[in-house]
PDB file of N, CA and C in Angstrom:
ATOM      1  N   MET A   1       7.834 -23.786   1.226  1.00  0.00           N
ATOM      2  CA  MET A   1       6.462 -23.301   1.222  1.00  0.00           C
ATOM      3  C   MET A   1       5.952 -23.164  -0.226  1.00  0.00           C
ATOM      4  N   LYS A   2       4.877 -23.796  -0.515  1.00  0.00           N
ATOM      5  CA  LYS A   2       4.301 -23.762  -1.855  1.00  0.00           C
ATOM      6  C   LYS A   2       3.448 -22.494  -2.042  1.00  0.00           C
ATOM      7  N   THR A   3       3.734 -21.767  -3.059  1.00  0.00           N
ATOM      8  CA  THR A   3       2.928 -20.582  -3.360  1.00  0.00           C
ATOM      9  C   THR A   3       1.795 -20.957  -4.320  1.00  0.00           C
ATOM     10  N   GLU A   4       0.618 -20.698  -3.907  1.00  0.00           N
ATOM     11  CA  GLU A   4      -0.565 -21.014  -4.740  1.00  0.00           C
ATOM     12  C   GLU A   4      -1.139 -19.773  -5.425  1.00  0.00           C
ATOM     13  N   TYR A   5      -0.987 -18.611  -4.820  1.00  0.00           N
ATOM     14  CA  TYR A   5      -1.524 -17.388  -5.362  1.00  0.00           C
ATOM     15  C   TYR A   5      -0.453 -16.292  -5.283  1.00  0.00           C
ATOM     16  N   MET A   6      -0.464 -15.447  -6.266  1.00  0.00           N
ATOM     17  CA  MET A   6       0.469 -14.312  -6.264  1.00  0.00           C
ATOM     18  C   MET A   6      -0.332 -13.026  -6.047  1.00  0.00           C
ATOM     19  N   SER A   7       0.129 -12.273  -5.104  1.00  0.00           N
ATOM     20  CA  SER A   7      -0.428 -10.942  -4.887  1.00  0.00           C
ATOM     21  C   SER A   7       0.272  -9.961  -5.826  1.00  0.00           C
ATOM     22  N   GLY A   8      -0.207  -8.733  -5.854  1.00  0.00           N
ATOM     23  CA  GLY A   8       0.463  -7.744  -6.672  1.00  0.00           C
ATOM     24  C   GLY A   8       1.904  -7.486  -6.220  1.00  0.00           C
ATOM     25  N   SER A   9       2.109  -7.456  -4.919  1.00  0.00           N
ATOM     26  CA  SER A   9       3.483  -7.195  -4.455  1.00  0.00           C
ATOM     27  C   SER A   9       4.411  -8.351  -4.855  1.00  0.00           C
ATOM     28  N   LEU A  10       3.940  -9.574  -4.815  1.00  0.00           N
ATOM     29  CA  LEU A  10       4.757 -10.701  -5.228  1.00  0.00           C
ATOM     30  C   LEU A  10       5.005 -10.688  -6.734  1.00  0.00           C
ATOM     31  N   LEU A  11       4.028 -10.261  -7.510  1.00  0.00           N
ATOM     32  CA  LEU A  11       4.183 -10.136  -8.963  1.00  0.00           C
ATOM     33  C   LEU A  11       5.246  -9.077  -9.289  1.00  0.00           C
ATOM     34  N   LYS A  12       5.183  -7.986  -8.571  1.00  0.00           N
ATOM     35  CA  LYS A  12       6.189  -6.923  -8.761  1.00  0.00           C
ATOM     36  C   LYS A  12       7.557  -7.444  -8.432  1.00  0.00           C
ATOM     37  N   LYS A  13       7.725  -8.176  -7.331  1.00  0.00           N
ATOM     38  CA  LYS A  13       8.983  -8.758  -6.979  1.00  0.00           C
ATOM     39  C   LYS A  13       9.485  -9.778  -8.022  1.00  0.00           C
ATOM     40  N   ALA A  14       8.543 -10.497  -8.588  1.00  0.00           N
ATOM     41  CA  ALA A  14       8.887 -11.452  -9.631  1.00  0.00           C
ATOM     42  C   ALA A  14       9.472 -10.786 -10.879  1.00  0.00           C
ATOM     43  N   PHE A  15       8.820  -9.693 -11.291  1.00  0.00           N
ATOM     44  CA  PHE A  15       9.298  -8.943 -12.436  1.00  0.00           C
ATOM     45  C   PHE A  15      10.690  -8.342 -12.177  1.00  0.00           C
ATOM     46  N   ILE A  16      10.878  -7.830 -10.992  1.00  0.00           N
ATOM     47  CA  ILE A  16      12.203  -7.259 -10.616  1.00  0.00           C
ATOM     48  C   ILE A  16      13.253  -8.344 -10.582  1.00  0.00           C
ATOM     49  N   GLY A  17      12.921  -9.466 -10.006  1.00  0.00           N
ATOM     50  CA  GLY A  17      13.862 -10.584  -9.978  1.00  0.00           C
ATOM     51  C   GLY A  17      14.201 -11.108 -11.342  1.00  0.00           C
ATOM     52  N   ALA A  18      13.199 -11.205 -12.193  1.00  0.00           N
ATOM     53  CA  ALA A  18      13.431 -11.655 -13.585  1.00  0.00           C
ATOM     54  C   ALA A  18      14.352 -10.663 -14.308  1.00  0.00           C
ATOM     55  N   ALA A  19      14.118  -9.380 -14.137  1.00  0.00           N
ATOM     56  CA  ALA A  19      14.967  -8.358 -14.763  1.00  0.00           C
ATOM     57  C   ALA A  19      16.435  -8.477 -14.247  1.00  0.00           C
ATOM     58  N   ASN A  20      16.569  -8.717 -12.987  1.00  0.00           N
ATOM     59  CA  ASN A  20      17.920  -8.847 -12.404  1.00  0.00           C
ATOM     60  C   ASN A  20      18.633 -10.083 -12.944  1.00  0.00           C
ATOM     61  N   LEU A  21      17.928 -11.199 -13.045  1.00  0.00           N
ATOM     62  CA  LEU A  21      18.508 -12.420 -13.579  1.00  0.00           C
ATOM     63  C   LEU A  21      18.891 -12.254 -15.064  1.00  0.00           C
ATOM     64  N   LEU A  22      18.025 -11.564 -15.822  1.00  0.00           N
ATOM     65  CA  LEU A  22      18.315 -11.284 -17.215  1.00  0.00           C
ATOM     66  C   LEU A  22      19.578 -10.439 -17.355  1.00  0.00           C
ATOM     67  N   GLU A  23      19.698  -9.413 -16.522  1.00  0.00           N
ATOM     68  CA  GLU A  23      20.889  -8.566 -16.536  1.00  0.00           C
ATOM     69  C   GLU A  23      22.109  -9.375 -16.197  1.00  0.00           C
ATOM     70  N   LYS A  24      22.010 -10.234 -15.212  1.00  0.00           N
ATOM     71  CA  LYS A  24      23.122 -11.045 -14.736  1.00  0.00           C
ATOM     72  C   LYS A  24      23.585 -12.016 -15.842  1.00  0.00           C
ATOM     73  N   ASN A  25      22.687 -12.511 -16.640  1.00  0.00           N
ATOM     74  CA  ASN A  25      22.982 -13.560 -17.615  1.00  0.00           C
ATOM     75  C   ASN A  25      22.963 -13.076 -19.070  1.00  0.00           C
ATOM     76  N   LYS A  26      22.954 -11.759 -19.263  1.00  0.00           N
ATOM     77  CA  LYS A  26      22.843 -11.243 -20.650  1.00  0.00           C
ATOM     78  C   LYS A  26      23.987 -11.661 -21.557  1.00  0.00           C
ATOM     79  N   GLU A  27      25.203 -11.786 -21.014  1.00  0.00           N
ATOM     80  CA  GLU A  27      26.333 -12.187 -21.857  1.00  0.00           C
ATOM     81  C   GLU A  27      26.166 -13.639 -22.313  1.00  0.00           C
ATOM     82  N   MET A  28      25.608 -14.482 -21.495  1.00  0.00           N
ATOM     83  CA  MET A  28      25.348 -15.867 -21.918  1.00  0.00           C
ATOM     84  C   MET A  28      24.339 -15.874 -23.049  1.00  0.00           C
ATOM     85  N   ILE A  29      23.319 -15.046 -22.920  1.00  0.00           N
ATOM     86  CA  ILE A  29      22.299 -14.955 -24.009  1.00  0.00           C
ATOM     87  C   ILE A  29      22.920 -14.309 -25.262  1.00  0.00           C
ATOM     88  N   ASN A  30      23.761 -13.332 -25.089  1.00  0.00           N
ATOM     89  CA  ASN A  30      24.474 -12.731 -26.216  1.00  0.00           C
ATOM     90  C   ASN A  30      25.278 -13.745 -26.992  1.00  0.00           C
ATOM     91  N   ALA A  31      25.829 -14.714 -26.264  1.00  0.00           N
ATOM     92  CA  ALA A  31      26.703 -15.705 -26.903  1.00  0.00           C
ATOM     93  C   ALA A  31      25.899 -16.717 -27.764  1.00  0.00           C
ATOM     94  N   LEU A  32      24.622 -16.758 -27.581  1.00  0.00           N
ATOM     95  CA  LEU A  32      23.804 -17.674 -28.356  1.00  0.00           C
ATOM     96  C   LEU A  32      23.793 -17.133 -29.824  1.00  0.00           C
ATOM     97  N   ASN A  33      23.860 -18.026 -30.761  1.00  0.00           N
ATOM     98  CA  ASN A  33      23.809 -17.647 -32.162  1.00  0.00           C
ATOM     99  C   ASN A  33      22.365 -17.608 -32.576  1.00  0.00           C
ATOM    100  N   VAL A  34      21.733 -16.463 -32.456  1.00  0.00           N
ATOM    101  CA  VAL A  34      20.265 -16.348 -32.617  1.00  0.00           C
ATOM    102  C   VAL A  34      19.947 -16.164 -34.084  1.00  0.00           C
ATOM    103  N   PHE A  35      19.076 -17.056 -34.595  1.00  0.00           N
ATOM    104  CA  PHE A  35      18.615 -17.006 -35.969  1.00  0.00           C
ATOM    105  C   PHE A  35      17.633 -15.871 -36.149  1.00  0.00           C
ATOM    106  N   PRO A  36      17.580 -15.132 -37.208  1.00  0.00           N
ATOM    107  CA  PRO A  36      18.372 -15.310 -38.423  1.00  0.00           C
ATOM    108  C   PRO A  36      19.634 -14.444 -38.413  1.00  0.00           C
ATOM    109  N   VAL A  37      19.821 -13.583 -37.419  1.00  0.00           N
ATOM    110  CA  VAL A  37      20.975 -12.704 -37.428  1.00  0.00           C
ATOM    111  C   VAL A  37      21.760 -12.963 -36.110  1.00  0.00           C
ATOM    112  N   PRO A  38      22.948 -13.530 -36.225  1.00  0.00           N
ATOM    113  CA  PRO A  38      23.780 -13.768 -35.048  1.00  0.00           C
ATOM    114  C   PRO A  38      24.479 -12.482 -34.600  1.00  0.00           C
ATOM    115  N   ASP A  39      23.748 -11.521 -34.118  1.00  0.00           N
ATOM    116  CA  ASP A  39      24.306 -10.183 -33.873  1.00  0.00           C
ATOM    117  C   ASP A  39      24.967 -10.024 -32.502  1.00  0.00           C
ATOM    118  N   GLY A  40      24.777 -10.949 -31.597  1.00  0.00           N
ATOM    119  CA  GLY A  40      25.452 -10.915 -30.332  1.00  0.00           C
ATOM    120  C   GLY A  40      24.982  -9.894 -29.309  1.00  0.00           C
ATOM    121  N   ASP A  41      23.754  -9.337 -29.517  1.00  0.00           N
ATOM    122  CA  ASP A  41      23.260  -8.356 -28.551  1.00  0.00           C
ATOM    123  C   ASP A  41      21.855  -8.656 -28.074  1.00  0.00           C
ATOM    124  N   THR A  42      21.420  -9.869 -28.279  1.00  0.00           N
ATOM    125  CA  THR A  42      20.041 -10.256 -27.863  1.00  0.00           C
ATOM    126  C   THR A  42      19.850 -10.100 -26.359  1.00  0.00           C
ATOM    127  N   GLY A  43      20.784 -10.608 -25.579  1.00  0.00           N
ATOM    128  CA  GLY A  43      20.658 -10.470 -24.128  1.00  0.00           C
ATOM    129  C   GLY A  43      20.725  -9.057 -23.640  1.00  0.00           C
ATOM    130  N   THR A  44      21.629  -8.276 -24.250  1.00  0.00           N
ATOM    131  CA  THR A  44      21.716  -6.850 -23.885  1.00  0.00           C
ATOM    132  C   THR A  44      20.390  -6.127 -24.203  1.00  0.00           C
ATOM    133  N   ASN A  45      19.872  -6.364 -25.383  1.00  0.00           N
ATOM    134  CA  ASN A  45      18.613  -5.702 -25.771  1.00  0.00           C
ATOM    135  C   ASN A  45      17.423  -6.118 -24.889  1.00  0.00           C
ATOM    136  N   MET A  46      17.366  -7.400 -24.587  1.00  0.00           N
ATOM    137  CA  MET A  46      16.288  -7.854 -23.684  1.00  0.00           C
ATOM    138  C   MET A  46      16.458  -7.249 -22.285  1.00  0.00           C
ATOM    139  N   SER A  47      17.681  -7.188 -21.794  1.00  0.00           N
ATOM    140  CA  SER A  47      17.918  -6.592 -20.485  1.00  0.00           C
ATOM    141  C   SER A  47      17.568  -5.118 -20.438  1.00  0.00           C
ATOM    142  N   LEU A  48      17.978  -4.380 -21.457  1.00  0.00           N
ATOM    143  CA  LEU A  48      17.637  -2.953 -21.531  1.00  0.00           C
ATOM    144  C   LEU A  48      16.118  -2.747 -21.592  1.00  0.00           C
ATOM    145  N   THR A  49      15.447  -3.624 -22.293  1.00  0.00           N
ATOM    146  CA  THR A  49      14.004  -3.545 -22.396  1.00  0.00           C
ATOM    147  C   THR A  49      13.372  -3.770 -21.033  1.00  0.00           C
ATOM    148  N   MET A  50      13.813  -4.809 -20.319  1.00  0.00           N
ATOM    149  CA  MET A  50      13.282  -5.062 -18.985  1.00  0.00           C
ATOM    150  C   MET A  50      13.622  -3.954 -18.000  1.00  0.00           C
ATOM    151  N   GLN A  51      14.803  -3.399 -18.099  1.00  0.00           N
ATOM    152  CA  GLN A  51      15.188  -2.316 -17.221  1.00  0.00           C
ATOM    153  C   GLN A  51      14.259  -1.092 -17.412  1.00  0.00           C
ATOM    154  N   SER A  52      13.854  -0.861 -18.643  1.00  0.00           N
ATOM    155  CA  SER A  52      12.897   0.204 -18.931  1.00  0.00           C
ATOM    156  C   SER A  52      11.570  -0.098 -18.241  1.00  0.00           C
ATOM    157  N   ALA A  53      11.152  -1.324 -18.308  1.00  0.00           N
ATOM    158  CA  ALA A  53       9.884  -1.732 -17.693  1.00  0.00           C
ATOM    159  C   ALA A  53       9.965  -1.582 -16.194  1.00  0.00           C
ATOM    160  N   ILE A  54      11.087  -1.939 -15.600  1.00  0.00           N
ATOM    161  CA  ILE A  54      11.234  -1.836 -14.117  1.00  0.00           C
ATOM    162  C   ILE A  54      11.301  -0.358 -13.692  1.00  0.00           C
ATOM    163  N   ARG A  55      11.913   0.474 -14.472  1.00  0.00           N
ATOM    164  CA  ARG A  55      11.905   1.933 -14.114  1.00  0.00           C
ATOM    165  C   ARG A  55      10.486   2.437 -14.057  1.00  0.00           C
ATOM    166  N   GLN A  56       9.655   2.036 -14.974  1.00  0.00           N
ATOM    167  CA  GLN A  56       8.227   2.445 -14.965  1.00  0.00           C
ATOM    168  C   GLN A  56       7.541   1.810 -13.712  1.00  0.00           C
ATOM    169  N   LEU A  57       7.874   0.578 -13.453  1.00  0.00           N
ATOM    170  CA  LEU A  57       7.263  -0.107 -12.286  1.00  0.00           C
ATOM    171  C   LEU A  57       7.658   0.551 -10.978  1.00  0.00           C
ATOM    172  N   ASP A  58       8.857   1.072 -10.897  1.00  0.00           N
ATOM    173  CA  ASP A  58       9.327   1.745  -9.691  1.00  0.00           C
ATOM    174  C   ASP A  58       8.470   2.956  -9.359  1.00  0.00           C
ATOM    175  N   ASN A  59       7.872   3.556 -10.358  1.00  0.00           N
ATOM    176  CA  ASN A  59       7.020   4.762 -10.178  1.00  0.00           C
ATOM    177  C   ASN A  59       5.595   4.409  -9.708  1.00  0.00           C
ATOM    178  N   LEU A  60       5.235   3.151  -9.810  1.00  0.00           N
ATOM    179  CA  LEU A  60       3.888   2.693  -9.437  1.00  0.00           C
ATOM    180  C   LEU A  60       3.866   2.600  -7.909  1.00  0.00           C
ATOM    181  N   LYS A  61       2.907   3.257  -7.288  1.00  0.00           N
ATOM    182  CA  LYS A  61       2.866   3.319  -5.805  1.00  0.00           C
ATOM    183  C   LYS A  61       1.895   2.377  -5.173  1.00  0.00           C
ATOM    184  N   HIS A  62       1.267   1.485  -5.919  1.00  0.00           N
ATOM    185  CA  HIS A  62       0.338   0.529  -5.376  1.00  0.00           C
ATOM    186  C   HIS A  62       0.590  -0.842  -5.991  1.00  0.00           C
ATOM    187  N   ASP A  63      -0.053  -1.845  -5.489  1.00  0.00           N
ATOM    188  CA  ASP A  63       0.213  -3.219  -5.890  1.00  0.00           C
ATOM    189  C   ASP A  63      -0.997  -3.900  -6.578  1.00  0.00           C
ATOM    190  N   ASP A  64      -1.693  -3.152  -7.406  1.00  0.00           N
ATOM    191  CA  ASP A  64      -2.796  -3.713  -8.169  1.00  0.00           C
ATOM    192  C   ASP A  64      -2.226  -4.560  -9.333  1.00  0.00           C
ATOM    193  N   ILE A  65      -2.619  -5.823  -9.384  1.00  0.00           N
ATOM    194  CA  ILE A  65      -2.052  -6.712 -10.373  1.00  0.00           C
ATOM    195  C   ILE A  65      -2.202  -6.223 -11.803  1.00  0.00           C
ATOM    196  N   GLU A  66      -3.413  -5.794 -12.151  1.00  0.00           N
ATOM    197  CA  GLU A  66      -3.650  -5.300 -13.522  1.00  0.00           C
ATOM    198  C   GLU A  66      -2.748  -4.103 -13.836  1.00  0.00           C
ATOM    199  N   ASP A  67      -2.616  -3.182 -12.912  1.00  0.00           N
ATOM    200  CA  ASP A  67      -1.783  -2.012 -13.123  1.00  0.00           C
ATOM    201  C   ASP A  67      -0.324  -2.404 -13.217  1.00  0.00           C
ATOM    202  N   ILE A  68       0.130  -3.359 -12.430  1.00  0.00           N
ATOM    203  CA  ILE A  68       1.525  -3.809 -12.500  1.00  0.00           C
ATOM    204  C   ILE A  68       1.804  -4.378 -13.873  1.00  0.00           C
ATOM    205  N   ALA A  69       0.958  -5.293 -14.315  1.00  0.00           N
ATOM    206  CA  ALA A  69       1.167  -5.927 -15.641  1.00  0.00           C
ATOM    207  C   ALA A  69       1.101  -4.898 -16.757  1.00  0.00           C
ATOM    208  N   ASN A  70       0.182  -3.932 -16.700  1.00  0.00           N
ATOM    209  CA  ASN A  70       0.074  -2.890 -17.709  1.00  0.00           C
ATOM    210  C   ASN A  70       1.317  -2.034 -17.704  1.00  0.00           C
ATOM    211  N   THR A  71       1.798  -1.689 -16.537  1.00  0.00           N
ATOM    212  CA  THR A  71       2.996  -0.830 -16.398  1.00  0.00           C
ATOM    213  C   THR A  71       4.211  -1.509 -17.020  1.00  0.00           C
ATOM    214  N   VAL A  72       4.379  -2.795 -16.703  1.00  0.00           N
ATOM    215  CA  VAL A  72       5.516  -3.551 -17.234  1.00  0.00           C
ATOM    216  C   VAL A  72       5.411  -3.676 -18.762  1.00  0.00           C
ATOM    217  N   SER A  73       4.183  -3.921 -19.229  1.00  0.00           N
ATOM    218  CA  SER A  73       3.938  -4.025 -20.673  1.00  0.00           C
ATOM    219  C   SER A  73       4.294  -2.701 -21.381  1.00  0.00           C
ATOM    220  N   ASN A  74       3.734  -1.630 -20.862  1.00  0.00           N
ATOM    221  CA  ASN A  74       3.994  -0.326 -21.468  1.00  0.00           C
ATOM    222  C   ASN A  74       5.427   0.144 -21.373  1.00  0.00           C
ATOM    223  N   GLY A  75       6.032  -0.089 -20.215  1.00  0.00           N
ATOM    224  CA  GLY A  75       7.446   0.281 -20.019  1.00  0.00           C
ATOM    225  C   GLY A  75       8.364  -0.505 -20.925  1.00  0.00           C
ATOM    226  N   SER A  76       8.063  -1.786 -21.142  1.00  0.00           N
ATOM    227  CA  SER A  76       8.888  -2.574 -22.013  1.00  0.00           C
ATOM    228  C   SER A  76       8.722  -2.157 -23.465  1.00  0.00           C
ATOM    229  N   LEU A  77       7.542  -1.799 -23.862  1.00  0.00           N
ATOM    230  CA  LEU A  77       7.342  -1.341 -25.271  1.00  0.00           C
ATOM    231  C   LEU A  77       8.058  -0.007 -25.511  1.00  0.00           C
ATOM    232  N   LEU A  78       7.914   0.900 -24.524  1.00  0.00           N
ATOM    233  CA  LEU A  78       8.567   2.201 -24.693  1.00  0.00           C
ATOM    234  C   LEU A  78      10.096   2.105 -24.734  1.00  0.00           C
ATOM    235  N   GLY A  79      10.624   1.123 -24.037  1.00  0.00           N
ATOM    236  CA  GLY A  79      12.074   0.985 -23.963  1.00  0.00           C
ATOM    237  C   GLY A  79      12.626  -0.193 -24.779  1.00  0.00           C
ATOM    238  N   ALA A  80      11.794  -0.758 -25.643  1.00  0.00           N
ATOM    239  CA  ALA A  80      12.225  -1.935 -26.395  1.00  0.00           C
ATOM    240  C   ALA A  80      13.462  -1.631 -27.269  1.00  0.00           C
ATOM    241  N   ARG A  81      14.411  -2.537 -27.186  1.00  0.00           N
ATOM    242  CA  ARG A  81      15.629  -2.377 -27.958  1.00  0.00           C
ATOM    243  C   ARG A  81      15.776  -3.589 -28.867  1.00  0.00           C
ATOM    244  N   GLY A  82      15.963  -3.356 -30.123  1.00  0.00           N
ATOM    245  CA  GLY A  82      16.180  -4.398 -31.101  1.00  0.00           C
ATOM    246  C   GLY A  82      14.956  -5.296 -31.234  1.00  0.00           C
ATOM    247  N   ASN A  83      15.085  -6.287 -32.115  1.00  0.00           N
ATOM    248  CA  ASN A  83      13.988  -7.223 -32.363  1.00  0.00           C
ATOM    249  C   ASN A  83      13.654  -8.006 -31.098  1.00  0.00           C
ATOM    250  N   SER A  84      14.685  -8.455 -30.359  1.00  0.00           N
ATOM    251  CA  SER A  84      14.430  -9.256 -29.188  1.00  0.00           C
ATOM    252  C   SER A  84      13.669  -8.449 -28.111  1.00  0.00           C
ATOM    253  N   GLY A  85      13.991  -7.161 -28.008  1.00  0.00           N
ATOM    254  CA  GLY A  85      13.232  -6.319 -27.054  1.00  0.00           C
ATOM    255  C   GLY A  85      11.771  -6.129 -27.417  1.00  0.00           C
ATOM    256  N   VAL A  86      11.558  -5.947 -28.714  1.00  0.00           N
ATOM    257  CA  VAL A  86      10.153  -5.778 -29.187  1.00  0.00           C
ATOM    258  C   VAL A  86       9.399  -7.094 -28.989  1.00  0.00           C
ATOM    259  N   ILE A  87      10.002  -8.216 -29.291  1.00  0.00           N
ATOM    260  CA  ILE A  87       9.356  -9.506 -29.068  1.00  0.00           C
ATOM    261  C   ILE A  87       9.035  -9.694 -27.577  1.00  0.00           C
ATOM    262  N   LEU A  88      10.003  -9.400 -26.722  1.00  0.00           N
ATOM    263  CA  LEU A  88       9.794  -9.502 -25.300  1.00  0.00           C
ATOM    264  C   LEU A  88       8.616  -8.602 -24.860  1.00  0.00           C
ATOM    265  N   SER A  89       8.615  -7.384 -25.357  1.00  0.00           N
ATOM    266  CA  SER A  89       7.537  -6.444 -24.992  1.00  0.00           C
ATOM    267  C   SER A  89       6.133  -6.987 -25.399  1.00  0.00           C
ATOM    268  N   GLN A  90       6.115  -7.698 -26.521  1.00  0.00           N
ATOM    269  CA  GLN A  90       4.847  -8.276 -27.002  1.00  0.00           C
ATOM    270  C   GLN A  90       4.443  -9.486 -26.137  1.00  0.00           C
ATOM    271  N   LEU A  91       5.395 -10.232 -25.667  1.00  0.00           N
ATOM    272  CA  LEU A  91       5.071 -11.304 -24.718  1.00  0.00           C
ATOM    273  C   LEU A  91       4.505 -10.752 -23.428  1.00  0.00           C
ATOM    274  N   LEU A  92       5.066  -9.657 -22.971  1.00  0.00           N
ATOM    275  CA  LEU A  92       4.579  -9.031 -21.750  1.00  0.00           C
ATOM    276  C   LEU A  92       3.231  -8.398 -21.979  1.00  0.00           C
ATOM    277  N   ARG A  93       2.996  -7.925 -23.193  1.00  0.00           N
ATOM    278  CA  ARG A  93       1.661  -7.368 -23.523  1.00  0.00           C
ATOM    279  C   ARG A  93       0.605  -8.460 -23.448  1.00  0.00           C
ATOM    280  N   GLY A  94       0.905  -9.643 -24.010  1.00  0.00           N
ATOM    281  CA  GLY A  94      -0.017 -10.766 -23.942  1.00  0.00           C
ATOM    282  C   GLY A  94      -0.303 -11.191 -22.489  1.00  0.00           C
ATOM    283  N   PHE A  95       0.770 -11.194 -21.687  1.00  0.00           N
ATOM    284  CA  PHE A  95       0.615 -11.526 -20.261  1.00  0.00           C
ATOM    285  C   PHE A  95      -0.276 -10.496 -19.582  1.00  0.00           C
ATOM    286  N   SER A  96      -0.081  -9.227 -19.885  1.00  0.00           N
ATOM    287  CA  SER A  96      -0.856  -8.152 -19.320  1.00  0.00           C
ATOM    288  C   SER A  96      -2.333  -8.279 -19.737  1.00  0.00           C
ATOM    289  N   ASN A  97      -2.557  -8.554 -20.985  1.00  0.00           N
ATOM    290  CA  ASN A  97      -3.934  -8.737 -21.490  1.00  0.00           C
ATOM    291  C   ASN A  97      -4.653  -9.883 -20.758  1.00  0.00           C
ATOM    292  N   GLY A  98      -3.904 -10.931 -20.450  1.00  0.00           N
ATOM    293  CA  GLY A  98      -4.481 -12.064 -19.755  1.00  0.00           C
ATOM    294  C   GLY A  98      -4.850 -11.769 -18.287  1.00  0.00           C
ATOM    295  N   LEU A  99      -4.281 -10.691 -17.746  1.00  0.00           N
ATOM    296  CA  LEU A  99      -4.515 -10.356 -16.338  1.00  0.00           C
ATOM    297  C   LEU A  99      -5.543  -9.242 -16.154  1.00  0.00           C
ATOM    298  N   LYS A 100      -6.192  -8.839 -17.205  1.00  0.00           N
ATOM    299  CA  LYS A 100      -7.193  -7.732 -17.086  1.00  0.00           C
ATOM    300  C   LYS A 100      -8.233  -8.162 -16.052  1.00  0.00           C
ATOM    301  N   LYS A 101      -8.525  -7.241 -15.153  1.00  0.00           N
ATOM    302  CA  LYS A 101      -9.523  -7.405 -14.069  1.00  0.00           C
ATOM    303  C   LYS A 101      -9.170  -8.455 -13.055  1.00  0.00           C
ATOM    304  N   SER A 102      -7.880  -8.838 -12.998  1.00  0.00           N
ATOM    305  CA  SER A 102      -7.461  -9.845 -12.010  1.00  0.00           C
ATOM    306  C   SER A 102      -7.106  -9.177 -10.694  1.00  0.00           C
ATOM    307  N   LYS A 103      -7.503  -9.783  -9.632  1.00  0.00           N
ATOM    308  CA  LYS A 103      -7.147  -9.317  -8.282  1.00  0.00           C
ATOM    309  C   LYS A 103      -6.049 -10.152  -7.642  1.00  0.00           C
ATOM    310  N   ASP A 104      -5.995 -11.410  -8.053  1.00  0.00           N
ATOM    311  CA  ASP A 104      -4.919 -12.290  -7.663  1.00  0.00           C
ATOM    312  C   ASP A 104      -4.724 -13.314  -8.737  1.00  0.00           C
ATOM    313  N   ILE A 105      -3.604 -13.988  -8.748  1.00  0.00           N
ATOM    314  CA  ILE A 105      -3.220 -14.916  -9.817  1.00  0.00           C
ATOM    315  C   ILE A 105      -2.934 -16.266  -9.135  1.00  0.00           C
ATOM    316  N   ASN A 106      -3.500 -17.321  -9.685  1.00  0.00           N
ATOM    317  CA  ASN A 106      -3.085 -18.624  -9.148  1.00  0.00           C
ATOM    318  C   ASN A 106      -1.857 -19.080  -9.935  1.00  0.00           C
ATOM    319  N   THR A 107      -1.047 -19.857  -9.282  1.00  0.00           N
ATOM    320  CA  THR A 107       0.215 -20.270  -9.937  1.00  0.00           C
ATOM    321  C   THR A 107      -0.034 -21.426 -10.876  1.00  0.00           C
TER     322      THR A 107
END
């Protein structure tokens, strides 16, 4: 079945799924030699950042797309770990800004 539009509940599930996949694969990401500092914790930091965002999302009791995106953006910034976490939080901020006043999202 082809998905053409995402509701708020589907967006929420997508963020949770992405966070779970990041957690599952963090060691593979850690093994990447990331320029300029091969510190070996990029995946861990990104996963911790997303887990912070998901904890905030778990407190959201409705499925408004704009609120979901803002919550993930804010939660990731508050829980950002390392440079990779801060960069991830800024990507999520840009995504959130693009969804202002959105009621649904086309794929």
